[in-house]
Amino acid sequence: MPTKSLPALLREIRSCRICEPDLPEGANPVLRARKSASILIAGQAPGIRVHQSSTPFNDPSGDRLRKWMGIDHDLFYNESRIAIVPMGFCFPGSASRGDLPPRKECSQTWHAQLLGLLPNIKLTLVIGIYAQAYYLGANRKSSLTETVKAWKEYGPSIIPLPHPSPRNNIWLKKNPWFETELLPVLSEKVSSSLA
């Protein structure tokens, strides 16, 4: 049984500085949650734009994710309906081909406590390989593509997704089934979870 309230835990997370010495832009934990949320978006880690604005998915990735979900900006950011909890809460820095992986300290320190205080989640969207590894464990397939293709195996409460980044345009073109088969089900599940 959790001993902390969700607001108290969120305050603690937002003041966390565990990995600040290893963060090129400093610590700025970005997440959103309320006990009443029925959808959990489990992403990777904030990008630089999100770090600077403190608003999750405040970038082209967010525009695409909202389109995939079939919801507007206001509903997406209504934290009483949708919780946004990335695997890493702070921008981890950049690498030659994108951002660095989310730091493990967040999931190791905070995720179990946080998830225990979100009792009304009906649908979890696991975005990218790091979130899929955490939420799907041994049930994850050998690649992101195979994991997303197997989305029916994780239902009805979990849907694995690729990252909605424009960097994944080539992946989306190579996998047209994602748009024709999975996205209609995703928007339907989002709608029913929010009803």
N, C-alpha and C. Protein backbone atom coordinates (compact mmCIF):
# COMPACT_ATOMS: atom_id res chain seq x y z
N MET A 1 0.85 -1.19 0.00
CA MET A 1 0.00 0.00 0.00
C MET A 1 0.89 1.25 0.00
N PRO A 2 0.69 2.16 -0.99
CA PRO A 2 1.52 3.37 -1.03
C PRO A 2 1.33 4.24 0.21
N THR A 3 2.42 4.79 0.70
CA THR A 3 2.33 5.64 1.88
C THR A 3 2.34 7.12 1.52
N LYS A 4 2.83 7.46 0.30
CA LYS A 4 2.86 8.85 -0.15
C LYS A 4 1.65 9.14 -1.00
N SER A 5 1.25 10.40 -1.02
CA SER A 5 0.20 10.80 -1.96
C SER A 5 0.87 11.08 -3.31
N LEU A 6 0.08 11.03 -4.37
CA LEU A 6 0.63 11.31 -5.69
C LEU A 6 1.17 12.73 -5.77
N PRO A 7 0.47 13.77 -5.30
CA PRO A 7 1.06 15.11 -5.36
C PRO A 7 2.40 15.22 -4.62
N ALA A 8 2.52 14.54 -3.48
CA ALA A 8 3.78 14.58 -2.73
C ALA A 8 4.90 13.89 -3.52
N LEU A 9 4.57 12.76 -4.13
CA LEU A 9 5.58 12.05 -4.92
C LEU A 9 5.99 12.87 -6.13
N LEU A 10 5.04 13.50 -6.80
CA LEU A 10 5.37 14.33 -7.97
C LEU A 10 6.28 15.50 -7.57
N ARG A 11 6.03 16.10 -6.42
CA ARG A 11 6.91 17.18 -5.94
C ARG A 11 8.33 16.65 -5.73
N GLU A 12 8.42 15.47 -5.15
CA GLU A 12 9.73 14.86 -4.89
C GLU A 12 10.45 14.57 -6.21
N ILE A 13 9.72 14.01 -7.19
CA ILE A 13 10.32 13.71 -8.49
C ILE A 13 10.78 14.99 -9.17
N ARG A 14 9.96 16.01 -9.14
CA ARG A 14 10.30 17.26 -9.83
C ARG A 14 11.49 17.97 -9.20
N SER A 15 11.78 17.65 -7.96
CA SER A 15 12.97 18.25 -7.32
C SER A 15 14.17 17.29 -7.35
N CYS A 16 14.02 16.15 -8.00
CA CYS A 16 15.09 15.15 -8.06
C CYS A 16 16.30 15.70 -8.81
N ARG A 17 17.48 15.42 -8.28
CA ARG A 17 18.73 15.84 -8.92
C ARG A 17 19.74 14.69 -8.94
N ILE A 18 19.26 13.44 -8.87
CA ILE A 18 20.12 12.26 -8.78
C ILE A 18 21.17 12.24 -9.89
N CYS A 19 20.73 12.47 -11.13
CA CYS A 19 21.71 12.36 -12.24
C CYS A 19 22.14 13.70 -12.80
N GLU A 20 21.86 14.77 -12.11
CA GLU A 20 22.20 16.09 -12.65
C GLU A 20 23.67 16.22 -13.08
N PRO A 21 24.63 15.65 -12.36
CA PRO A 21 26.02 15.77 -12.83
C PRO A 21 26.26 15.18 -14.22
N ASP A 22 25.39 14.26 -14.65
CA ASP A 22 25.57 13.61 -15.94
C ASP A 22 24.65 14.18 -17.03
N LEU A 23 23.92 15.22 -16.72
CA LEU A 23 22.97 15.80 -17.68
C LEU A 23 23.55 17.09 -18.25
N PRO A 24 23.78 17.16 -19.56
CA PRO A 24 24.43 18.34 -20.14
C PRO A 24 23.65 19.63 -19.98
N GLU A 25 22.33 19.53 -19.87
CA GLU A 25 21.50 20.73 -19.71
C GLU A 25 20.96 20.88 -18.29
N GLY A 26 21.42 20.04 -17.39
CA GLY A 26 20.92 20.09 -16.01
C GLY A 26 19.63 19.30 -15.86
N ALA A 27 19.17 19.20 -14.63
CA ALA A 27 17.96 18.43 -14.33
C ALA A 27 16.72 19.30 -14.52
N ASN A 28 15.71 18.73 -15.14
CA ASN A 28 14.39 19.34 -15.27
C ASN A 28 13.40 18.21 -15.52
N PRO A 29 13.01 17.49 -14.47
CA PRO A 29 12.09 16.36 -14.65
C PRO A 29 10.75 16.81 -15.22
N VAL A 30 10.36 16.19 -16.33
CA VAL A 30 9.12 16.54 -17.03
C VAL A 30 8.21 15.32 -17.05
N LEU A 31 7.08 15.42 -16.39
CA LEU A 31 6.07 14.38 -16.38
C LEU A 31 4.75 14.99 -15.93
N ARG A 32 3.67 14.27 -16.19
CA ARG A 32 2.34 14.75 -15.81
C ARG A 32 1.52 13.57 -15.34
N ALA A 33 0.78 13.72 -14.25
CA ALA A 33 -0.06 12.62 -13.77
C ALA A 33 -1.05 13.12 -12.73
N ARG A 34 -2.20 12.53 -12.74
CA ARG A 34 -3.19 12.68 -11.68
C ARG A 34 -3.80 11.31 -11.42
N LYS A 35 -4.28 11.09 -10.23
CA LYS A 35 -4.84 9.80 -9.84
C LYS A 35 -5.98 9.37 -10.75
N SER A 36 -6.73 10.31 -11.29
CA SER A 36 -7.90 10.01 -12.11
C SER A 36 -7.56 9.63 -13.55
N ALA A 37 -6.30 9.76 -13.96
CA ALA A 37 -5.93 9.50 -15.36
C ALA A 37 -6.28 8.06 -15.75
N SER A 38 -6.81 7.91 -16.97
CA SER A 38 -7.17 6.58 -17.46
C SER A 38 -6.24 6.09 -18.56
N ILE A 39 -5.41 6.98 -19.10
CA ILE A 39 -4.42 6.61 -20.11
C ILE A 39 -3.04 7.00 -19.61
N LEU A 40 -2.09 6.09 -19.79
CA LEU A 40 -0.70 6.35 -19.45
C LEU A 40 0.12 6.32 -20.73
N ILE A 41 0.83 7.40 -21.00
CA ILE A 41 1.78 7.44 -22.12
C ILE A 41 3.17 7.27 -21.53
N ALA A 42 3.77 6.13 -21.83
CA ALA A 42 5.11 5.82 -21.34
C ALA A 42 6.08 6.00 -22.50
N GLY A 43 6.74 7.14 -22.53
CA GLY A 43 7.66 7.45 -23.61
C GLY A 43 9.10 7.16 -23.23
N GLN A 44 10.02 7.81 -23.93
CA GLN A 44 11.44 7.57 -23.74
C GLN A 44 12.02 8.56 -22.73
N ALA A 45 12.30 9.78 -23.19
CA ALA A 45 12.85 10.85 -22.36
C ALA A 45 12.59 12.16 -23.09
N PRO A 46 12.52 13.27 -22.38
CA PRO A 46 12.30 14.55 -23.05
C PRO A 46 13.42 14.89 -24.02
N GLY A 47 13.06 15.51 -25.14
CA GLY A 47 14.05 16.09 -26.04
C GLY A 47 14.42 17.48 -25.56
N ILE A 48 15.28 18.15 -26.28
CA ILE A 48 15.75 19.47 -25.86
C ILE A 48 14.62 20.50 -25.83
N ARG A 49 13.70 20.44 -26.80
CA ARG A 49 12.58 21.39 -26.80
C ARG A 49 11.67 21.19 -25.60
N VAL A 50 11.44 19.93 -25.25
CA VAL A 50 10.62 19.63 -24.08
C VAL A 50 11.35 20.08 -22.81
N HIS A 51 12.64 19.84 -22.75
CA HIS A 51 13.44 20.29 -21.60
C HIS A 51 13.31 21.80 -21.41
N GLN A 52 13.37 22.53 -22.51
CA GLN A 52 13.32 24.00 -22.42
C GLN A 52 11.93 24.52 -22.08
N SER A 53 10.88 23.81 -22.52
CA SER A 53 9.51 24.28 -22.28
C SER A 53 8.86 23.65 -21.05
N SER A 54 9.42 22.54 -20.57
CA SER A 54 8.84 21.76 -19.46
C SER A 54 7.47 21.19 -19.80
N THR A 55 7.16 21.07 -21.09
CA THR A 55 5.89 20.51 -21.55
C THR A 55 6.18 19.27 -22.38
N PRO A 56 5.70 18.09 -21.94
CA PRO A 56 6.00 16.86 -22.68
C PRO A 56 5.38 16.85 -24.07
N PHE A 57 6.10 16.27 -25.01
CA PHE A 57 5.65 16.15 -26.39
C PHE A 57 5.26 17.50 -26.99
N ASN A 58 5.98 18.54 -26.62
CA ASN A 58 5.77 19.88 -27.15
C ASN A 58 6.67 20.08 -28.36
N ASP A 59 6.47 19.22 -29.37
CA ASP A 59 7.35 19.19 -30.53
C ASP A 59 6.63 18.43 -31.65
N PRO A 60 7.23 18.27 -32.82
CA PRO A 60 6.56 17.53 -33.90
C PRO A 60 6.18 16.09 -33.52
N SER A 61 6.95 15.47 -32.63
CA SER A 61 6.59 14.13 -32.16
C SER A 61 5.22 14.15 -31.48
N GLY A 62 4.99 15.16 -30.68
CA GLY A 62 3.71 15.29 -30.00
C GLY A 62 2.56 15.52 -30.96
N ASP A 63 2.81 16.32 -32.00
CA ASP A 63 1.77 16.55 -33.01
C ASP A 63 1.36 15.23 -33.64
N ARG A 64 2.35 14.42 -33.99
CA ARG A 64 2.06 13.12 -34.62
C ARG A 64 1.37 12.18 -33.63
N LEU A 65 1.84 12.14 -32.39
CA LEU A 65 1.23 11.25 -31.40
C LEU A 65 -0.23 11.61 -31.16
N ARG A 66 -0.54 12.90 -31.06
CA ARG A 66 -1.93 13.32 -30.89
C ARG A 66 -2.78 12.89 -32.08
N LYS A 67 -2.21 13.00 -33.28
CA LYS A 67 -2.93 12.55 -34.48
C LYS A 67 -3.17 11.05 -34.42
N TRP A 68 -2.15 10.28 -34.06
CA TRP A 68 -2.31 8.83 -33.93
C TRP A 68 -3.41 8.49 -32.93
N MET A 69 -3.46 9.22 -31.82
CA MET A 69 -4.43 8.94 -30.77
C MET A 69 -5.83 9.44 -31.12
N GLY A 70 -5.91 10.37 -32.07
CA GLY A 70 -7.20 10.93 -32.45
C GLY A 70 -7.75 11.92 -31.44
N ILE A 71 -6.85 12.66 -30.77
CA ILE A 71 -7.29 13.63 -29.77
C ILE A 71 -6.64 14.98 -30.03
N ASP A 72 -7.23 16.01 -29.43
CA ASP A 72 -6.69 17.36 -29.64
C ASP A 72 -5.71 17.73 -28.52
N HIS A 73 -5.11 18.88 -28.70
CA HIS A 73 -4.09 19.40 -27.79
C HIS A 73 -4.60 19.50 -26.36
N ASP A 74 -5.80 20.07 -26.19
CA ASP A 74 -6.33 20.29 -24.83
C ASP A 74 -6.56 18.98 -24.09
N LEU A 75 -7.13 18.00 -24.77
CA LEU A 75 -7.37 16.71 -24.12
C LEU A 75 -6.05 16.01 -23.80
N PHE A 76 -5.11 16.07 -24.72
CA PHE A 76 -3.80 15.45 -24.51
C PHE A 76 -3.13 15.98 -23.24
N TYR A 77 -3.26 17.27 -23.00
CA TYR A 77 -2.60 17.87 -21.84
C TYR A 77 -3.50 17.97 -20.60
N ASN A 78 -4.63 17.30 -20.63
CA ASN A 78 -5.50 17.25 -19.45
C ASN A 78 -4.99 16.10 -18.58
N GLU A 79 -4.15 16.42 -17.61
CA GLU A 79 -3.49 15.38 -16.84
C GLU A 79 -4.43 14.61 -15.92
N SER A 80 -5.65 15.10 -15.74
CA SER A 80 -6.62 14.31 -14.99
C SER A 80 -7.15 13.16 -15.84
N ARG A 81 -6.89 13.21 -17.16
CA ARG A 81 -7.33 12.15 -18.07
C ARG A 81 -6.15 11.33 -18.62
N ILE A 82 -5.02 12.02 -18.89
CA ILE A 82 -3.87 11.36 -19.51
C ILE A 82 -2.61 11.66 -18.71
N ALA A 83 -1.96 10.60 -18.24
CA ALA A 83 -0.68 10.72 -17.55
C ALA A 83 0.44 10.53 -18.57
N ILE A 84 1.48 11.35 -18.48
CA ILE A 84 2.63 11.24 -19.37
C ILE A 84 3.86 11.01 -18.48
N VAL A 85 4.36 9.78 -18.54
CA VAL A 85 5.45 9.37 -17.65
C VAL A 85 6.55 8.71 -18.49
N PRO A 86 7.55 9.47 -18.91
CA PRO A 86 8.62 8.87 -19.71
C PRO A 86 9.53 7.99 -18.86
N MET A 87 10.31 7.16 -19.53
CA MET A 87 11.25 6.29 -18.81
C MET A 87 12.33 7.11 -18.12
N GLY A 88 12.75 8.18 -18.74
CA GLY A 88 13.66 9.13 -18.12
C GLY A 88 12.97 10.48 -18.07
N PHE A 89 13.02 11.16 -16.95
CA PHE A 89 12.27 12.41 -16.80
C PHE A 89 13.02 13.64 -17.29
N CYS A 90 14.32 13.52 -17.48
CA CYS A 90 15.13 14.66 -17.91
C CYS A 90 15.77 14.40 -19.27
N PHE A 91 16.06 15.47 -19.99
CA PHE A 91 16.76 15.37 -21.27
C PHE A 91 18.14 14.77 -21.03
N PRO A 92 18.43 13.61 -21.67
CA PRO A 92 19.70 12.93 -21.37
C PRO A 92 20.90 13.46 -22.15
N GLY A 93 20.66 14.32 -23.14
CA GLY A 93 21.74 14.80 -24.00
C GLY A 93 21.63 14.21 -25.39
N SER A 94 22.43 14.70 -26.29
CA SER A 94 22.36 14.29 -27.69
C SER A 94 23.52 13.38 -28.05
N ALA A 95 23.26 12.52 -29.03
CA ALA A 95 24.29 11.66 -29.62
C ALA A 95 24.33 11.98 -31.11
N SER A 96 25.16 11.28 -31.84
CA SER A 96 25.31 11.59 -33.27
C SER A 96 24.05 11.33 -34.07
N ARG A 97 23.23 10.35 -33.64
CA ARG A 97 22.02 10.02 -34.40
C ARG A 97 20.78 10.20 -33.54
N GLY A 98 20.67 11.30 -32.84
CA GLY A 98 19.50 11.53 -32.00
C GLY A 98 19.91 11.73 -30.55
N ASP A 99 18.93 11.62 -29.68
CA ASP A 99 19.18 11.81 -28.25
C ASP A 99 19.74 10.53 -27.63
N LEU A 100 20.44 10.70 -26.52
CA LEU A 100 20.94 9.56 -25.76
C LEU A 100 19.77 8.79 -25.15
N PRO A 101 19.98 7.54 -24.75
CA PRO A 101 18.90 6.77 -24.11
C PRO A 101 18.49 7.43 -22.79
N PRO A 102 17.26 7.15 -22.35
CA PRO A 102 16.85 7.66 -21.03
C PRO A 102 17.73 7.08 -19.94
N ARG A 103 18.02 7.88 -18.94
CA ARG A 103 18.84 7.39 -17.83
C ARG A 103 18.02 6.40 -17.00
N LYS A 104 18.67 5.37 -16.50
CA LYS A 104 17.97 4.30 -15.78
C LYS A 104 17.56 4.69 -14.36
N GLU A 105 18.18 5.73 -13.85
CA GLU A 105 17.88 6.11 -12.45
C GLU A 105 16.39 6.41 -12.24
N CYS A 106 15.74 7.00 -13.25
CA CYS A 106 14.32 7.35 -13.09
C CYS A 106 13.46 6.11 -12.89
N SER A 107 13.61 5.15 -13.80
CA SER A 107 12.78 3.95 -13.67
C SER A 107 13.13 3.18 -12.40
N GLN A 108 14.40 3.13 -12.05
CA GLN A 108 14.82 2.39 -10.86
C GLN A 108 14.36 3.07 -9.57
N THR A 109 14.31 4.38 -9.58
CA THR A 109 14.00 5.12 -8.36
C THR A 109 12.51 5.44 -8.21
N TRP A 110 11.85 5.77 -9.30
CA TRP A 110 10.53 6.39 -9.20
C TRP A 110 9.36 5.60 -9.79
N HIS A 111 9.58 4.81 -10.83
CA HIS A 111 8.44 4.29 -11.59
C HIS A 111 7.51 3.39 -10.79
N ALA A 112 8.03 2.47 -10.02
CA ALA A 112 7.15 1.57 -9.27
C ALA A 112 6.27 2.36 -8.30
N GLN A 113 6.87 3.34 -7.61
CA GLN A 113 6.08 4.17 -6.69
C GLN A 113 4.99 4.92 -7.43
N LEU A 114 5.37 5.50 -8.55
CA LEU A 114 4.44 6.32 -9.33
C LEU A 114 3.29 5.49 -9.89
N LEU A 115 3.62 4.35 -10.49
CA LEU A 115 2.58 3.50 -11.08
C LEU A 115 1.61 2.98 -10.02
N GLY A 116 2.12 2.77 -8.81
CA GLY A 116 1.25 2.34 -7.72
C GLY A 116 0.23 3.39 -7.30
N LEU A 117 0.44 4.62 -7.70
CA LEU A 117 -0.47 5.71 -7.35
C LEU A 117 -1.36 6.13 -8.53
N LEU A 118 -1.36 5.30 -9.58
CA LEU A 118 -2.21 5.57 -10.75
C LEU A 118 -3.17 4.38 -10.94
N PRO A 119 -4.19 4.27 -10.08
CA PRO A 119 -5.02 3.07 -10.07
C PRO A 119 -6.07 2.99 -11.17
N ASN A 120 -6.28 4.07 -11.90
CA ASN A 120 -7.38 4.10 -12.87
C ASN A 120 -6.93 3.95 -14.32
N ILE A 121 -5.67 3.57 -14.53
CA ILE A 121 -5.15 3.43 -15.89
C ILE A 121 -5.82 2.25 -16.58
N LYS A 122 -6.44 2.53 -17.73
CA LYS A 122 -7.08 1.48 -18.54
C LYS A 122 -6.25 1.12 -19.76
N LEU A 123 -5.44 2.07 -20.23
CA LEU A 123 -4.66 1.87 -21.44
C LEU A 123 -3.28 2.48 -21.27
N THR A 124 -2.25 1.71 -21.59
CA THR A 124 -0.86 2.20 -21.52
C THR A 124 -0.26 2.13 -22.91
N LEU A 125 0.24 3.26 -23.40
CA LEU A 125 0.93 3.32 -24.68
C LEU A 125 2.42 3.29 -24.39
N VAL A 126 3.11 2.24 -24.82
CA VAL A 126 4.54 2.10 -24.57
C VAL A 126 5.29 2.46 -25.85
N ILE A 127 5.97 3.60 -25.80
CA ILE A 127 6.57 4.21 -26.98
C ILE A 127 8.07 3.98 -26.98
N GLY A 128 8.54 3.23 -27.98
CA GLY A 128 9.97 3.02 -28.14
C GLY A 128 10.50 1.83 -27.35
N ILE A 129 11.74 1.46 -27.65
CA ILE A 129 12.30 0.22 -27.10
C ILE A 129 12.52 0.25 -25.59
N TYR A 130 12.83 1.40 -25.04
CA TYR A 130 13.12 1.44 -23.60
C TYR A 130 11.84 1.26 -22.78
N ALA A 131 10.77 1.92 -23.19
CA ALA A 131 9.49 1.74 -22.52
C ALA A 131 8.97 0.32 -22.73
N GLN A 132 9.17 -0.21 -23.93
CA GLN A 132 8.71 -1.57 -24.20
C GLN A 132 9.48 -2.59 -23.36
N ALA A 133 10.77 -2.37 -23.20
CA ALA A 133 11.56 -3.28 -22.35
C ALA A 133 11.05 -3.26 -20.92
N TYR A 134 10.73 -2.08 -20.41
CA TYR A 134 10.27 -1.95 -19.01
C TYR A 134 8.88 -2.56 -18.83
N TYR A 135 7.95 -2.23 -19.70
CA TYR A 135 6.56 -2.64 -19.52
C TYR A 135 6.26 -4.04 -20.04
N LEU A 136 6.98 -4.50 -21.04
CA LEU A 136 6.69 -5.80 -21.63
C LEU A 136 7.65 -6.89 -21.16
N GLY A 137 8.81 -6.49 -20.69
CA GLY A 137 9.78 -7.45 -20.17
C GLY A 137 10.11 -8.56 -21.16
N ALA A 138 10.05 -9.79 -20.70
CA ALA A 138 10.39 -10.94 -21.54
C ALA A 138 9.40 -11.15 -22.68
N ASN A 139 8.25 -10.52 -22.63
CA ASN A 139 7.26 -10.66 -23.71
C ASN A 139 7.57 -9.79 -24.91
N ARG A 140 8.55 -8.91 -24.77
CA ARG A 140 8.95 -8.06 -25.89
C ARG A 140 9.63 -8.93 -26.94
N LYS A 141 9.44 -8.58 -28.19
CA LYS A 141 10.05 -9.33 -29.29
C LYS A 141 11.49 -8.86 -29.51
N SER A 142 12.15 -9.43 -30.51
CA SER A 142 13.57 -9.16 -30.72
C SER A 142 13.86 -7.79 -31.33
N SER A 143 12.85 -7.12 -31.86
CA SER A 143 13.06 -5.78 -32.42
C SER A 143 11.81 -4.94 -32.16
N LEU A 144 11.97 -3.63 -32.29
CA LEU A 144 10.82 -2.75 -32.12
C LEU A 144 9.75 -3.10 -33.15
N THR A 145 10.15 -3.33 -34.40
CA THR A 145 9.16 -3.64 -35.44
C THR A 145 8.37 -4.89 -35.08
N GLU A 146 9.05 -5.93 -34.65
CA GLU A 146 8.35 -7.17 -34.30
C GLU A 146 7.46 -6.97 -33.08
N THR A 147 7.90 -6.17 -32.12
CA THR A 147 7.08 -5.89 -30.94
C THR A 147 5.82 -5.15 -31.33
N VAL A 148 5.96 -4.12 -32.15
CA VAL A 148 4.77 -3.35 -32.56
C VAL A 148 3.86 -4.22 -33.42
N LYS A 149 4.42 -5.05 -34.29
CA LYS A 149 3.60 -5.97 -35.12
C LYS A 149 2.78 -6.91 -34.25
N ALA A 150 3.30 -7.26 -33.09
CA ALA A 150 2.63 -8.21 -32.20
C ALA A 150 1.70 -7.50 -31.22
N TRP A 151 1.26 -6.30 -31.53
CA TRP A 151 0.48 -5.48 -30.60
C TRP A 151 -0.74 -6.20 -30.05
N LYS A 152 -1.36 -7.08 -30.82
CA LYS A 152 -2.56 -7.79 -30.35
C LYS A 152 -2.24 -8.69 -29.15
N GLU A 153 -0.99 -9.14 -29.05
CA GLU A 153 -0.60 -10.02 -27.94
C GLU A 153 -0.58 -9.29 -26.60
N TYR A 154 -0.48 -7.97 -26.61
CA TYR A 154 -0.32 -7.22 -25.36
C TYR A 154 -1.62 -6.59 -24.88
N GLY A 155 -2.66 -6.74 -25.68
CA GLY A 155 -3.94 -6.12 -25.36
C GLY A 155 -4.64 -6.82 -24.22
N PRO A 156 -5.71 -6.23 -23.76
CA PRO A 156 -6.29 -5.00 -24.30
C PRO A 156 -5.75 -3.72 -23.67
N SER A 157 -4.89 -3.84 -22.66
CA SER A 157 -4.53 -2.63 -21.90
C SER A 157 -3.18 -2.02 -22.26
N ILE A 158 -2.40 -2.66 -23.15
CA ILE A 158 -1.09 -2.11 -23.54
C ILE A 158 -0.99 -2.12 -25.06
N ILE A 159 -0.53 -1.01 -25.62
CA ILE A 159 -0.24 -0.94 -27.05
C ILE A 159 1.18 -0.42 -27.23
N PRO A 160 2.05 -1.25 -27.85
CA PRO A 160 3.41 -0.77 -28.15
C PRO A 160 3.41 0.07 -29.42
N LEU A 161 4.17 1.15 -29.41
CA LEU A 161 4.24 2.05 -30.55
C LEU A 161 5.69 2.40 -30.86
N PRO A 162 5.97 2.74 -32.13
CA PRO A 162 7.27 3.33 -32.42
C PRO A 162 7.27 4.77 -31.91
N HIS A 163 8.42 5.37 -31.82
CA HIS A 163 8.44 6.77 -31.44
C HIS A 163 7.85 7.59 -32.57
N PRO A 164 7.01 8.58 -32.27
CA PRO A 164 6.38 9.38 -33.32
C PRO A 164 7.28 10.45 -33.94
N SER A 165 8.56 10.39 -33.67
CA SER A 165 9.51 11.37 -34.18
C SER A 165 9.53 11.39 -35.71
N PRO A 166 9.73 12.57 -36.31
CA PRO A 166 9.93 12.63 -37.76
C PRO A 166 11.12 11.78 -38.22
N ARG A 167 12.04 11.46 -37.32
CA ARG A 167 13.16 10.57 -37.68
C ARG A 167 12.68 9.17 -38.06
N ASN A 168 11.45 8.84 -37.69
CA ASN A 168 10.91 7.52 -38.00
C ASN A 168 10.05 7.51 -39.26
N ASN A 169 10.13 8.54 -40.08
CA ASN A 169 9.35 8.56 -41.32
C ASN A 169 9.68 7.37 -42.21
N ILE A 170 10.93 6.98 -42.28
CA ILE A 170 11.32 5.84 -43.12
C ILE A 170 10.68 4.57 -42.57
N TRP A 171 10.71 4.39 -41.24
CA TRP A 171 10.08 3.21 -40.63
C TRP A 171 8.60 3.17 -40.98
N LEU A 172 7.93 4.31 -40.89
CA LEU A 172 6.49 4.35 -41.19
C LEU A 172 6.22 3.99 -42.65
N LYS A 173 7.07 4.45 -43.56
CA LYS A 173 6.89 4.10 -44.97
C LYS A 173 7.13 2.62 -45.22
N LYS A 174 8.07 2.02 -44.50
CA LYS A 174 8.37 0.59 -44.68
C LYS A 174 7.31 -0.31 -44.03
N ASN A 175 6.51 0.24 -43.15
CA ASN A 175 5.53 -0.55 -42.39
C ASN A 175 4.13 0.03 -42.51
N PRO A 176 3.55 -0.01 -43.72
CA PRO A 176 2.23 0.60 -43.93
C PRO A 176 1.11 -0.03 -43.10
N TRP A 177 1.30 -1.28 -42.66
CA TRP A 177 0.32 -1.94 -41.80
C TRP A 177 0.08 -1.17 -40.51
N PHE A 178 1.10 -0.44 -40.06
CA PHE A 178 0.96 0.31 -38.81
C PHE A 178 -0.19 1.31 -38.93
N GLU A 179 -0.22 2.03 -40.03
CA GLU A 179 -1.26 3.04 -40.22
C GLU A 179 -2.62 2.42 -40.53
N THR A 180 -2.64 1.35 -41.32
CA THR A 180 -3.92 0.78 -41.73
C THR A 180 -4.53 -0.15 -40.70
N GLU A 181 -3.68 -0.87 -39.95
CA GLU A 181 -4.20 -1.86 -39.00
C GLU A 181 -4.22 -1.39 -37.55
N LEU A 182 -3.10 -0.82 -37.10
CA LEU A 182 -2.99 -0.49 -35.68
C LEU A 182 -3.62 0.86 -35.32
N LEU A 183 -3.39 1.88 -36.14
CA LEU A 183 -3.86 3.22 -35.75
C LEU A 183 -5.38 3.32 -35.57
N PRO A 184 -6.20 2.68 -36.41
CA PRO A 184 -7.64 2.74 -36.15
C PRO A 184 -8.01 2.12 -34.79
N VAL A 185 -7.34 1.03 -34.43
CA VAL A 185 -7.60 0.39 -33.14
C VAL A 185 -7.11 1.29 -32.00
N LEU A 186 -5.95 1.91 -32.20
CA LEU A 186 -5.41 2.82 -31.19
C LEU A 186 -6.40 3.94 -30.88
N SER A 187 -6.88 4.63 -31.90
CA SER A 187 -7.79 5.76 -31.64
C SER A 187 -9.10 5.28 -31.00
N GLU A 188 -9.55 4.08 -31.38
CA GLU A 188 -10.76 3.53 -30.76
C GLU A 188 -10.53 3.22 -29.29
N LYS A 189 -9.37 2.61 -28.98
CA LYS A 189 -9.06 2.29 -27.58
C LYS A 189 -8.86 3.55 -26.75
N VAL A 190 -8.23 4.56 -27.33
CA VAL A 190 -8.06 5.84 -26.63
C VAL A 190 -9.45 6.41 -26.29
N SER A 191 -10.32 6.44 -27.28
CA SER A 191 -11.66 6.98 -27.08
C SER A 191 -12.43 6.22 -26.00
N SER A 192 -12.39 4.89 -26.04
CA SER A 192 -13.13 4.12 -25.05
C SER A 192 -12.50 4.23 -23.66
N SER A 193 -11.19 4.38 -23.59
CA SER A 193 -10.53 4.52 -22.28
C SER A 193 -10.85 5.86 -21.63
N LEU A 194 -11.10 6.87 -22.45
CA LEU A 194 -11.40 8.20 -21.93
C LEU A 194 -12.89 8.39 -21.65
N ALA A 195 -13.73 7.48 -22.14
CA ALA A 195 -15.19 7.64 -22.01
C ALA A 195 -15.62 7.51 -20.56
